Amino acid sequence: MQRSPTSPPQPATAGLRTVPSEPYRPRLLLVDDHAIVRAGLRRLIEAERGHWQVEEASSGFQALGLLRTGSIAMAIVDLSMPGMSGLDLIRRIKLEFPDVRLLVLSMHAEEQYALRAFSAGASGYLTKDSAANELMIAIGKVAAGGAYVSSSLAERVVQQLNGRVEVPRHTRLTDRELEIMRRLVSGRRLVDIARELHLSVKTVSTHKTRIQEKLQLPNLAALVRYGLEHQLDKSSISRDDGVV
């Protein structure tokens, strides 16, 4: 009797459907203390063909914690946050994670803030009144290794760098001094500023004295008048600091 041929053994995966792996999406970190701002930015960015995996942080310290959990390619940072300022965070990121690309998205429309951000290590600066398409262009350029500055700021930044316009006296202030002066001009008391910035009242008072010395202003009234003349009261202060 003739035996039927033996069928070759089948692989263990035979008959199973291959599930295609998801395409790699680089991680992008949004750092802003306003939840509604982060939610709006997330929707805009994720709508762009789903290219980015978006993470969120409400403070500089939370942002650093997320950066330490894995590879984040890019961070979009606000400047005005309680606790660690955006400029301090940018410096920390560039020190610990030099390959992370940094774009600032801020309410500050004055060129000195853009210059300070670039000096700290940012590669892009965009104001929050910019159009959505400009944000996506800025993200693309910064992520690709380039630089970007809001069109409304670009000319003024170049003029200041070239010495074609008079540099205001408050550009001599440190980042911390400028932050304290901005709050003084907005009517904050020393004790309020100390609480908001996690400093002692004595430290804030010392900064106030140095600000007056650098700007050659005899008293608080003169400091406030100078700040109003240069529209330093127009800059946004965080909702968590007590102002909506």
C-alpha atoms as a PDB file:
ATOM      1  CA  MET A   1       0.000   0.000   0.000  1.00  0.00           C
ATOM      2  CA  GLN A   2       1.420   3.417  -0.979  1.00  0.00           C
ATOM      3  CA  ARG A   3       1.904   5.906   1.828  1.00  0.00           C
ATOM      4  CA  SER A   4       0.709   9.489   1.380  1.00  0.00           C
ATOM      5  CA  PRO A   5       3.515  12.038   1.404  1.00  0.00           C
ATOM      6  CA  THR A   6       4.142  13.700   4.773  1.00  0.00           C
ATOM      7  CA  SER A   7       3.298  17.437   4.822  1.00  0.00           C
ATOM      8  CA  PRO A   8       6.169  19.692   5.890  1.00  0.00           C
ATOM      9  CA  PRO A   9       5.800  21.261   9.344  1.00  0.00           C
ATOM     10  CA  GLN A  10       4.133  24.663   9.347  1.00  0.00           C
ATOM     11  CA  PRO A  11       5.723  27.647  11.154  1.00  0.00           C
ATOM     12  CA  ALA A  12       4.140  28.657  14.465  1.00  0.00           C
ATOM     13  CA  THR A  13       3.059  31.991  12.974  1.00  0.00           C
ATOM     14  CA  ALA A  14       1.209  30.444  10.067  1.00  0.00           C
ATOM     15  CA  GLY A  15      -2.286  31.779   9.703  1.00  0.00           C
ATOM     16  CA  LEU A  16      -1.665  34.784  11.976  1.00  0.00           C
ATOM     17  CA  ARG A  17      -2.200  38.283  10.574  1.00  0.00           C
ATOM     18  CA  THR A  18       0.746  40.671  10.760  1.00  0.00           C
ATOM     19  CA  VAL A  19      -0.137  43.862  12.591  1.00  0.00           C
ATOM     20  CA  PRO A  20       1.750  46.818  11.094  1.00  0.00           C
ATOM     21  CA  SER A  21       3.781  48.740  13.654  1.00  0.00           C
ATOM     22  CA  GLU A  22       2.878  52.373  14.307  1.00  0.00           C
ATOM     23  CA  PRO A  23       5.152  54.923  12.631  1.00  0.00           C
ATOM     24  CA  TYR A  24       7.652  56.622  14.911  1.00  0.00           C
ATOM     25  CA  ARG A  25       6.477  59.984  16.218  1.00  0.00           C
ATOM     26  CA  PRO A  26       8.967  62.284  17.958  1.00  0.00           C
ATOM     27  CA  ARG A  27       7.935  63.645  21.358  1.00  0.00           C
ATOM     28  CA  LEU A  28       7.158  67.335  21.746  1.00  0.00           C
ATOM     29  CA  LEU A  29       6.785  68.899  25.200  1.00  0.00           C
ATOM     30  CA  LEU A  30       4.431  71.836  25.896  1.00  0.00           C
ATOM     31  CA  VAL A  31       5.420  73.847  28.976  1.00  0.00           C
ATOM     32  CA  ASP A  32       2.826  76.399  30.086  1.00  0.00           C
ATOM     33  CA  ASP A  33       1.082  76.908  33.432  1.00  0.00           C
ATOM     34  CA  HIS A  34      -2.295  77.552  31.764  1.00  0.00           C
ATOM     35  CA  ALA A  35      -4.166  74.312  31.046  1.00  0.00           C
ATOM     36  CA  ILE A  36      -6.407  75.936  28.433  1.00  0.00           C
ATOM     37  CA  VAL A  37      -3.355  77.193  26.504  1.00  0.00           C
ATOM     38  CA  ARG A  38      -1.793  73.732  26.520  1.00  0.00           C
ATOM     39  CA  ALA A  39      -5.060  72.152  25.351  1.00  0.00           C
ATOM     40  CA  GLY A  40      -5.361  74.577  22.441  1.00  0.00           C
ATOM     41  CA  LEU A  41      -1.756  74.061  21.384  1.00  0.00           C
ATOM     42  CA  ARG A  42      -2.112  70.289  21.600  1.00  0.00           C
ATOM     43  CA  ARG A  43      -5.122  70.338  19.269  1.00  0.00           C
ATOM     44  CA  LEU A  44      -3.264  72.493  16.739  1.00  0.00           C
ATOM     45  CA  ILE A  45      -0.128  70.378  16.777  1.00  0.00           C
ATOM     46  CA  GLU A  46      -1.821  66.973  16.746  1.00  0.00           C
ATOM     47  CA  ALA A  47      -4.017  68.075  13.835  1.00  0.00           C
ATOM     48  CA  GLU A  48      -0.862  68.487  11.743  1.00  0.00           C
ATOM     49  CA  ARG A  49      -0.922  64.966  10.243  1.00  0.00           C
ATOM     50  CA  GLY A  50      -0.278  63.426  13.686  1.00  0.00           C
ATOM     51  CA  HIS A  51       3.456  63.971  13.288  1.00  0.00           C
ATOM     52  CA  TRP A  52       4.135  64.706  16.971  1.00  0.00           C
ATOM     53  CA  GLN A  53       3.509  62.798  20.182  1.00  0.00           C
ATOM     54  CA  VAL A  54       2.582  65.677  22.479  1.00  0.00           C
ATOM     55  CA  GLU A  55       3.412  65.771  26.202  1.00  0.00           C
ATOM     56  CA  GLU A  56       2.432  68.499  28.691  1.00  0.00           C
ATOM     57  CA  ALA A  57       4.018  70.140  31.729  1.00  0.00           C
ATOM     58  CA  SER A  58       2.564  72.919  33.877  1.00  0.00           C
ATOM     59  CA  SER A  59       5.871  74.037  35.429  1.00  0.00           C
ATOM     60  CA  GLY A  60       9.589  74.055  34.811  1.00  0.00           C
ATOM     61  CA  PHE A  61      10.216  71.377  37.435  1.00  0.00           C
ATOM     62  CA  GLN A  62       7.591  69.080  35.913  1.00  0.00           C
ATOM     63  CA  ALA A  63       9.121  69.666  32.485  1.00  0.00           C
ATOM     64  CA  LEU A  64      12.568  68.599  33.696  1.00  0.00           C
ATOM     65  CA  GLY A  65      11.041  65.460  35.206  1.00  0.00           C
ATOM     66  CA  LEU A  66       9.432  64.523  31.892  1.00  0.00           C
ATOM     67  CA  LEU A  67      12.630  65.244  29.980  1.00  0.00           C
ATOM     68  CA  ARG A  68      14.454  62.758  32.210  1.00  0.00           C
ATOM     69  CA  THR A  69      11.992  59.960  31.397  1.00  0.00           C
ATOM     70  CA  GLY A  70      12.980  59.636  27.770  1.00  0.00           C
ATOM     71  CA  SER A  71      13.956  61.274  24.544  1.00  0.00           C
ATOM     72  CA  ILE A  72      12.033  64.474  23.856  1.00  0.00           C
ATOM     73  CA  ALA A  73      12.975  66.096  20.572  1.00  0.00           C
ATOM     74  CA  MET A  74      11.512  69.554  21.111  1.00  0.00           C
ATOM     75  CA  ALA A  75       9.976  71.758  23.802  1.00  0.00           C
ATOM     76  CA  ILE A  76       7.714  74.787  23.463  1.00  0.00           C
ATOM     77  CA  VAL A  77       8.204  76.979  26.532  1.00  0.00           C
ATOM     78  CA  ASP A  78       6.325  79.931  28.010  1.00  0.00           C
ATOM     79  CA  LEU A  79       8.433  82.599  29.729  1.00  0.00           C
ATOM     80  CA  SER A  80       6.100  83.634  32.570  1.00  0.00           C
ATOM     81  CA  MET A  81       5.517  80.753  34.955  1.00  0.00           C
ATOM     82  CA  PRO A  82       5.396  80.554  38.747  1.00  0.00           C
ATOM     83  CA  GLY A  83       8.488  79.123  40.405  1.00  0.00           C
ATOM     84  CA  MET A  84      11.132  78.454  37.760  1.00  0.00           C
ATOM     85  CA  SER A  85      10.915  81.034  34.973  1.00  0.00           C
ATOM     86  CA  GLY A  86      10.945  80.075  31.323  1.00  0.00           C
ATOM     87  CA  LEU A  87      14.413  81.533  30.846  1.00  0.00           C
ATOM     88  CA  ASP A  88      15.784  79.516  33.785  1.00  0.00           C
ATOM     89  CA  LEU A  89      14.148  76.390  32.361  1.00  0.00           C
ATOM     90  CA  ILE A  90      15.698  76.987  28.928  1.00  0.00           C
ATOM     91  CA  ARG A  91      19.153  77.222  30.508  1.00  0.00           C
ATOM     92  CA  ARG A  92      18.592  74.016  32.486  1.00  0.00           C
ATOM     93  CA  ILE A  93      17.400  72.160  29.398  1.00  0.00           C
ATOM     94  CA  LYS A  94      20.361  73.271  27.298  1.00  0.00           C
ATOM     95  CA  LEU A  95      22.710  72.190  30.099  1.00  0.00           C
ATOM     96  CA  GLU A  96      21.154  68.771  30.721  1.00  0.00           C
ATOM     97  CA  PHE A  97      19.624  68.010  27.309  1.00  0.00           C
ATOM     98  CA  PRO A  98      21.608  69.955  24.703  1.00  0.00           C
ATOM     99  CA  ASP A  99      19.985  68.159  21.755  1.00  0.00           C
ATOM    100  CA  VAL A 100      16.452  69.291  22.635  1.00  0.00           C
ATOM    101  CA  ARG A 101      15.209  72.004  20.289  1.00  0.00           C
ATOM    102  CA  LEU A 102      13.565  74.967  22.049  1.00  0.00           C
ATOM    103  CA  LEU A 103      10.841  77.323  20.850  1.00  0.00           C
ATOM    104  CA  VAL A 104       9.509  80.109  23.089  1.00  0.00           C
ATOM    105  CA  LEU A 105       5.811  80.963  22.843  1.00  0.00           C
ATOM    106  CA  SER A 106       5.175  84.036  24.971  1.00  0.00           C
ATOM    107  CA  MET A 107       2.906  87.029  25.553  1.00  0.00           C
ATOM    108  CA  HIS A 108       6.007  89.227  25.685  1.00  0.00           C
ATOM    109  CA  ALA A 109       6.176  91.161  22.426  1.00  0.00           C
ATOM    110  CA  GLU A 110       9.227  93.263  23.347  1.00  0.00           C
ATOM    111  CA  GLU A 111      12.477  92.514  21.570  1.00  0.00           C
ATOM    112  CA  GLN A 112      14.528  92.334  24.786  1.00  0.00           C
ATOM    113  CA  TYR A 113      12.620  89.204  25.805  1.00  0.00           C
ATOM    114  CA  ALA A 114      13.388  87.556  22.476  1.00  0.00           C
ATOM    115  CA  LEU A 115      17.055  88.480  22.798  1.00  0.00           C
ATOM    116  CA  ARG A 116      17.191  87.036  26.323  1.00  0.00           C
ATOM    117  CA  ALA A 117      15.503  83.843  25.159  1.00  0.00           C
ATOM    118  CA  PHE A 118      17.974  83.354  22.309  1.00  0.00           C
ATOM    119  CA  SER A 119      20.866  84.115  24.658  1.00  0.00           C
ATOM    120  CA  ALA A 120      19.577  81.450  27.068  1.00  0.00           C
ATOM    121  CA  GLY A 121      19.559  78.831  24.309  1.00  0.00           C
ATOM    122  CA  ALA A 122      16.231  79.009  22.475  1.00  0.00           C
ATOM    123  CA  SER A 123      16.183  78.596  18.704  1.00  0.00           C
ATOM    124  CA  GLY A 124      12.826  80.274  18.104  1.00  0.00           C
ATOM    125  CA  TYR A 125      10.619  82.984  19.551  1.00  0.00           C
ATOM    126  CA  LEU A 126       6.929  83.400  18.795  1.00  0.00           C
ATOM    127  CA  THR A 127       4.314  85.629  20.393  1.00  0.00           C
ATOM    128  CA  LYS A 128       0.970  84.155  21.459  1.00  0.00           C
ATOM    129  CA  ASP A 129      -0.966  86.472  19.156  1.00  0.00           C
ATOM    130  CA  SER A 130       0.616  84.778  16.133  1.00  0.00           C
ATOM    131  CA  ALA A 131      -1.553  82.843  13.697  1.00  0.00           C
ATOM    132  CA  ALA A 132      -1.777  79.061  13.917  1.00  0.00           C
ATOM    133  CA  ASN A 133      -0.017  78.570  10.578  1.00  0.00           C
ATOM    134  CA  GLU A 134       2.930  80.672  11.800  1.00  0.00           C
ATOM    135  CA  LEU A 135       3.220  78.420  14.852  1.00  0.00           C
ATOM    136  CA  MET A 136       3.430  75.331  12.662  1.00  0.00           C
ATOM    137  CA  ILE A 137       6.033  76.986  10.439  1.00  0.00           C
ATOM    138  CA  ALA A 138       8.087  77.908  13.518  1.00  0.00           C
ATOM    139  CA  ILE A 139       7.859  74.365  14.908  1.00  0.00           C
ATOM    140  CA  GLY A 140       8.985  72.918  11.579  1.00  0.00           C
ATOM    141  CA  LYS A 141      11.963  75.249  11.233  1.00  0.00           C
ATOM    142  CA  VAL A 142      13.168  74.851  14.816  1.00  0.00           C
ATOM    143  CA  ALA A 143      12.704  71.063  14.770  1.00  0.00           C
ATOM    144  CA  ALA A 144      14.756  70.872  11.555  1.00  0.00           C
ATOM    145  CA  GLY A 145      17.667  72.675  13.203  1.00  0.00           C
ATOM    146  CA  GLY A 146      16.891  76.207  12.060  1.00  0.00           C
ATOM    147  CA  ALA A 147      15.815  79.352  13.867  1.00  0.00           C
ATOM    148  CA  TYR A 148      12.644  81.402  13.883  1.00  0.00           C
ATOM    149  CA  VAL A 149      11.444  84.735  15.243  1.00  0.00           C
ATOM    150  CA  SER A 150       8.008  86.330  14.903  1.00  0.00           C
ATOM    151  CA  SER A 151       7.795  88.561  11.844  1.00  0.00           C
ATOM    152  CA  SER A 152       6.572  91.398  14.065  1.00  0.00           C
ATOM    153  CA  LEU A 153       9.733  91.135  16.163  1.00  0.00           C
ATOM    154  CA  ALA A 154      12.351  90.268  13.563  1.00  0.00           C
ATOM    155  CA  GLU A 155      13.106  93.787  12.335  1.00  0.00           C
ATOM    156  CA  ARG A 156      13.321  95.255  15.838  1.00  0.00           C
ATOM    157  CA  VAL A 157      15.598  92.452  17.035  1.00  0.00           C
ATOM    158  CA  VAL A 158      17.979  92.978  14.112  1.00  0.00           C
ATOM    159  CA  GLN A 159      17.975  96.760  14.624  1.00  0.00           C
ATOM    160  CA  GLN A 160      18.807  96.385  18.283  1.00  0.00           C
ATOM    161  CA  LEU A 161      21.559  93.853  17.575  1.00  0.00           C
ATOM    162  CA  ASN A 162      23.051  96.226  14.983  1.00  0.00           C
ATOM    163  CA  GLY A 163      22.837  99.200  17.330  1.00  0.00           C
ATOM    164  CA  ARG A 164      20.476 101.096  15.038  1.00  0.00           C
ATOM    165  CA  VAL A 165      17.949 101.804  17.775  1.00  0.00           C
ATOM    166  CA  GLU A 166      18.444 103.121  21.263  1.00  0.00           C
ATOM    167  CA  VAL A 167      18.602 100.302  23.800  1.00  0.00           C
ATOM    168  CA  PRO A 168      16.333 101.008  26.802  1.00  0.00           C
ATOM    169  CA  ARG A 169      17.952 101.138  30.213  1.00  0.00           C
ATOM    170  CA  HIS A 170      16.034  98.173  31.585  1.00  0.00           C
ATOM    171  CA  THR A 171      17.931  95.846  29.214  1.00  0.00           C
ATOM    172  CA  ARG A 172      20.779  96.157  31.760  1.00  0.00           C
ATOM    173  CA  LEU A 173      18.688  94.243  34.286  1.00  0.00           C
ATOM    174  CA  THR A 174      19.136  90.550  34.924  1.00  0.00           C
ATOM    175  CA  ASP A 175      16.273  88.209  34.051  1.00  0.00           C
ATOM    176  CA  ARG A 176      15.219  88.032  37.699  1.00  0.00           C
ATOM    177  CA  GLU A 177      15.398  91.801  38.130  1.00  0.00           C
ATOM    178  CA  LEU A 178      13.288  92.354  35.031  1.00  0.00           C
ATOM    179  CA  GLU A 179      10.694  89.881  36.299  1.00  0.00           C
ATOM    180  CA  ILE A 180      10.516  91.655  39.667  1.00  0.00           C
ATOM    181  CA  MET A 181      10.343  95.081  38.064  1.00  0.00           C
ATOM    182  CA  ARG A 182       7.509  93.937  35.807  1.00  0.00           C
ATOM    183  CA  ARG A 183       5.544  92.864  38.861  1.00  0.00           C
ATOM    184  CA  LEU A 184       6.297  96.076  40.732  1.00  0.00           C
ATOM    185  CA  VAL A 185       5.025  98.093  37.776  1.00  0.00           C
ATOM    186  CA  SER A 186       1.864  95.954  37.768  1.00  0.00           C
ATOM    187  CA  GLY A 187       1.188  96.979  41.387  1.00  0.00           C
ATOM    188  CA  ARG A 188       2.447  93.919  43.253  1.00  0.00           C
ATOM    189  CA  ARG A 189       3.592  94.311  46.851  1.00  0.00           C
ATOM    190  CA  LEU A 190       7.001  92.964  47.888  1.00  0.00           C
ATOM    191  CA  VAL A 191       5.381  90.226  49.963  1.00  0.00           C
ATOM    192  CA  ASP A 192       3.233  89.161  46.987  1.00  0.00           C
ATOM    193  CA  ILE A 193       6.244  89.034  44.665  1.00  0.00           C
ATOM    194  CA  ALA A 194       8.186  86.994  47.205  1.00  0.00           C
ATOM    195  CA  ARG A 195       5.361  84.444  47.413  1.00  0.00           C
ATOM    196  CA  GLU A 196       4.877  84.258  43.649  1.00  0.00           C
ATOM    197  CA  LEU A 197       8.565  83.768  42.864  1.00  0.00           C
ATOM    198  CA  HIS A 198       9.355  81.610  45.917  1.00  0.00           C
ATOM    199  CA  LEU A 199      11.828  84.157  47.301  1.00  0.00           C
ATOM    200  CA  SER A 200      12.221  85.866  50.660  1.00  0.00           C
ATOM    201  CA  VAL A 201      10.885  89.402  51.083  1.00  0.00           C
ATOM    202  CA  LYS A 202      14.429  90.526  51.905  1.00  0.00           C
ATOM    203  CA  THR A 203      15.710  89.121  48.591  1.00  0.00           C
ATOM    204  CA  VAL A 204      12.975  90.878  46.637  1.00  0.00           C
ATOM    205  CA  SER A 205      13.723  94.133  48.475  1.00  0.00           C
ATOM    206  CA  THR A 206      17.424  93.790  47.594  1.00  0.00           C
ATOM    207  CA  HIS A 207      16.530  93.253  43.929  1.00  0.00           C
ATOM    208  CA  LYS A 208      14.295  96.326  44.022  1.00  0.00           C
ATOM    209  CA  THR A 209      17.178  98.441  45.344  1.00  0.00           C
ATOM    210  CA  ARG A 210      19.519  97.158  42.617  1.00  0.00           C
ATOM    211  CA  ILE A 211      16.909  97.874  39.954  1.00  0.00           C
ATOM    212  CA  GLN A 212      16.592 101.485  41.098  1.00  0.00           C
ATOM    213  CA  GLU A 213      20.392 101.845  41.159  1.00  0.00           C
ATOM    214  CA  LYS A 214      20.850 100.412  37.648  1.00  0.00           C
ATOM    215  CA  LEU A 215      18.069 102.554  36.182  1.00  0.00           C
ATOM    216  CA  GLN A 216      19.015 105.612  38.263  1.00  0.00           C
ATOM    217  CA  LEU A 217      15.512 105.899  39.672  1.00  0.00           C
ATOM    218  CA  PRO A 218      15.197 107.543  43.116  1.00  0.00           C
ATOM    219  CA  ASN A 219      12.085 105.749  44.407  1.00  0.00           C
ATOM    220  CA  LEU A 220       9.300 103.281  43.672  1.00  0.00           C
ATOM    221  CA  ALA A 221       7.086 105.939  42.105  1.00  0.00           C
ATOM    222  CA  ALA A 222       9.799 106.759  39.562  1.00  0.00           C
ATOM    223  CA  LEU A 223      10.326 103.048  38.901  1.00  0.00           C
ATOM    224  CA  VAL A 224       6.609 102.535  38.214  1.00  0.00           C
ATOM    225  CA  ARG A 225       6.471 105.623  35.982  1.00  0.00           C
ATOM    226  CA  TYR A 226       9.449 104.358  33.946  1.00  0.00           C
ATOM    227  CA  GLY A 227       7.835 100.932  33.636  1.00  0.00           C
ATOM    228  CA  LEU A 228       4.543 102.389  32.435  1.00  0.00           C
ATOM    229  CA  GLU A 229       6.334 104.541  29.857  1.00  0.00           C
ATOM    230  CA  HIS A 230       8.002 101.399  28.468  1.00  0.00           C
ATOM    231  CA  GLN A 231       4.773  99.358  28.684  1.00  0.00           C
ATOM    232  CA  LEU A 232       6.245  96.783  31.045  1.00  0.00           C
ATOM    233  CA  ASP A 233       2.814  96.534  32.659  1.00  0.00           C
ATOM    234  CA  LYS A 234       1.432  95.084  29.391  1.00  0.00           C
ATOM    235  CA  SER A 235       3.262  91.791  29.807  1.00  0.00           C
ATOM    236  CA  SER A 236       1.140  88.853  30.900  1.00  0.00           C
ATOM    237  CA  ILE A 237       1.436  87.587  34.471  1.00  0.00           C
ATOM    238  CA  SER A 238       0.509  84.008  35.223  1.00  0.00           C
ATOM    239  CA  ARG A 239      -3.027  83.208  36.317  1.00  0.00           C
ATOM    240  CA  ASP A 240      -1.535  81.189  39.208  1.00  0.00           C
ATOM    241  CA  ASP A 241       0.106  84.399  40.420  1.00  0.00           C
ATOM    242  CA  GLY A 242      -3.270  85.923  41.073  1.00  0.00           C
ATOM    243  CA  VAL A 243      -4.151  87.651  37.794  1.00  0.00           C
ATOM    244  CA  VAL A 244      -6.405  86.217  35.117  1.00  0.00           C
END
